[in-house]
Amino acid sequence: MNIDDLNEKFIEEAAKREEIARQKCGHRPGRFQAMARQQGALHAAIKLISTKEPSEGLKKLYLCQGEIPDAHKLSIEQLYIEFAEQYRSQFPDLFPDDVIQRARAKLPNK
């Protein structure tokens, strides 16, 4: 697997989660997809995660907790953590410790 394959896989999984969020609580994320097209999916995720405040998408997912138990698991932050666990050994530069820690800090029970 190369970085382009990994980015494509990340986008595909993000799209699946976005569709669930759209169906269950009307959340229509758009910022990530626009950023992913411009910068690549993982670089876009890193940029969103690296901000001090939670992303708008994550805030909206928290508001949907009544509709979707554990709605935060649909977030880019959660997806990034999952990809880090699976692909960090192959792509260590895409999964630095500080970004993983920020992603975890923005999610409950992490």
Protein backbone atom coordinates (compact mmCIF):
# COMPACT_ATOMS: atom_id res chain seq x y z
CA MET A 1 0.00 0.00 0.00
CA ASN A 2 1.25 3.48 -0.83
CA ILE A 3 0.20 6.86 0.53
CA ASP A 4 -2.31 7.44 -2.27
CA ASP A 5 -4.01 4.13 -1.47
CA LEU A 6 -4.08 5.02 2.21
CA ASN A 7 -5.60 8.45 1.51
CA GLU A 8 -8.24 6.86 -0.71
CA LYS A 9 -9.07 4.29 1.94
CA PHE A 10 -9.38 7.05 4.55
CA ILE A 11 -11.71 9.06 2.29
CA GLU A 12 -13.88 5.99 1.63
CA GLU A 13 -14.24 5.22 5.32
CA ALA A 14 -14.91 8.88 6.15
CA ALA A 15 -17.64 8.95 3.48
CA LYS A 16 -19.32 5.89 5.03
CA ARG A 17 -19.33 7.53 8.45
CA GLU A 18 -20.56 10.82 7.01
CA GLU A 19 -23.47 9.03 5.38
CA ILE A 20 -24.49 7.47 8.71
CA ALA A 21 -24.28 10.87 10.40
CA ARG A 22 -26.35 12.43 7.61
CA GLN A 23 -29.04 9.76 7.80
CA LYS A 24 -29.27 9.60 11.59
CA CYS A 25 -28.99 13.27 12.57
CA GLY A 26 -28.92 15.39 9.44
CA HIS A 27 -25.24 16.24 9.86
CA ARG A 28 -23.75 17.19 6.50
CA PRO A 29 -20.00 17.56 6.90
CA GLY A 30 -18.34 19.41 4.11
CA ARG A 31 -15.17 21.02 5.38
CA PHE A 32 -13.21 17.78 5.60
CA GLN A 33 -14.09 16.63 2.09
CA ALA A 34 -13.06 20.00 0.62
CA MET A 35 -9.80 19.95 2.56
CA ALA A 36 -9.14 16.32 1.60
CA ARG A 37 -9.46 17.14 -2.10
CA GLN A 38 -6.97 19.99 -1.74
CA GLN A 39 -4.44 18.52 0.71
CA GLY A 40 -4.97 14.77 0.82
CA ALA A 41 -7.19 13.06 3.35
CA LEU A 42 -4.67 12.37 6.09
CA HIS A 43 -3.08 15.83 5.91
CA ALA A 44 -6.58 17.34 6.11
CA ALA A 45 -7.37 15.17 9.14
CA ILE A 46 -4.12 16.22 10.82
CA LYS A 47 -4.94 19.87 10.20
CA LEU A 48 -8.45 19.52 11.69
CA ILE A 49 -7.20 17.55 14.67
CA SER A 50 -4.34 19.96 15.36
CA THR A 51 -6.63 22.91 16.04
CA LYS A 52 -7.12 23.88 19.66
CA GLU A 53 -10.91 23.64 19.53
CA PRO A 54 -12.96 20.62 18.42
CA SER A 55 -13.97 20.72 14.77
CA GLU A 56 -17.48 21.85 13.83
CA GLY A 57 -18.18 18.30 12.68
CA LEU A 58 -17.23 16.85 16.05
CA LYS A 59 -19.36 19.43 17.85
CA LYS A 60 -22.34 18.50 15.68
CA LEU A 61 -21.79 14.81 16.36
CA TYR A 62 -21.81 15.47 20.11
CA LEU A 63 -25.21 17.13 19.67
CA CYS A 64 -26.45 13.92 18.01
CA GLN A 65 -25.60 11.66 20.94
CA GLY A 66 -29.32 11.11 21.58
CA GLU A 67 -29.87 9.92 18.02
CA ILE A 68 -26.64 7.99 17.63
CA PRO A 69 -25.11 6.43 20.74
CA ASP A 70 -21.36 7.00 20.62
CA ALA A 71 -21.78 9.45 17.72
CA HIS A 72 -18.19 10.61 18.25
CA LYS A 73 -17.09 7.26 16.79
CA LEU A 74 -18.17 8.63 13.40
CA SER A 75 -15.69 11.50 13.68
CA ILE A 76 -12.53 12.18 11.71
CA GLU A 77 -10.70 12.13 15.04
CA GLN A 78 -11.81 8.57 15.77
CA LEU A 79 -11.07 7.45 12.22
CA TYR A 80 -7.57 8.94 12.43
CA ILE A 81 -6.91 7.03 15.67
CA GLU A 82 -8.10 3.78 14.07
CA PHE A 83 -5.87 4.33 11.04
CA ALA A 84 -2.93 5.19 13.30
CA GLU A 85 -3.35 1.90 15.13
CA GLN A 86 -3.40 -0.01 11.86
CA TYR A 87 -0.95 1.88 9.62
CA ARG A 88 1.47 3.78 11.83
CA SER A 89 4.24 1.25 11.40
CA GLN A 90 4.11 1.72 7.60
CA PHE A 91 3.56 5.49 7.61
CA PRO A 92 5.03 6.89 10.83
CA ASP A 93 5.26 10.47 9.49
CA LEU A 94 1.48 10.57 9.00
CA PHE A 95 0.73 9.51 12.58
CA PRO A 96 2.89 11.55 14.97
CA ASP A 97 2.35 11.08 18.70
CA ASP A 98 1.17 14.63 19.31
CA VAL A 99 -1.60 14.41 16.70
CA ILE A 100 -2.79 11.04 18.01
CA GLN A 101 -2.85 12.49 21.54
CA ARG A 102 -4.83 15.55 20.38
CA ALA A 103 -7.35 13.31 18.61
CA ARG A 104 -7.78 11.21 21.74
CA ALA A 105 -8.10 14.31 23.95
CA LYS A 106 -10.99 15.60 21.83
CA LEU A 107 -12.96 12.37 22.25
CA PRO A 108 -14.72 11.17 25.40
CA ASN A 109 -13.13 8.43 27.52
CA LYS A 110 -9.75 8.74 25.87
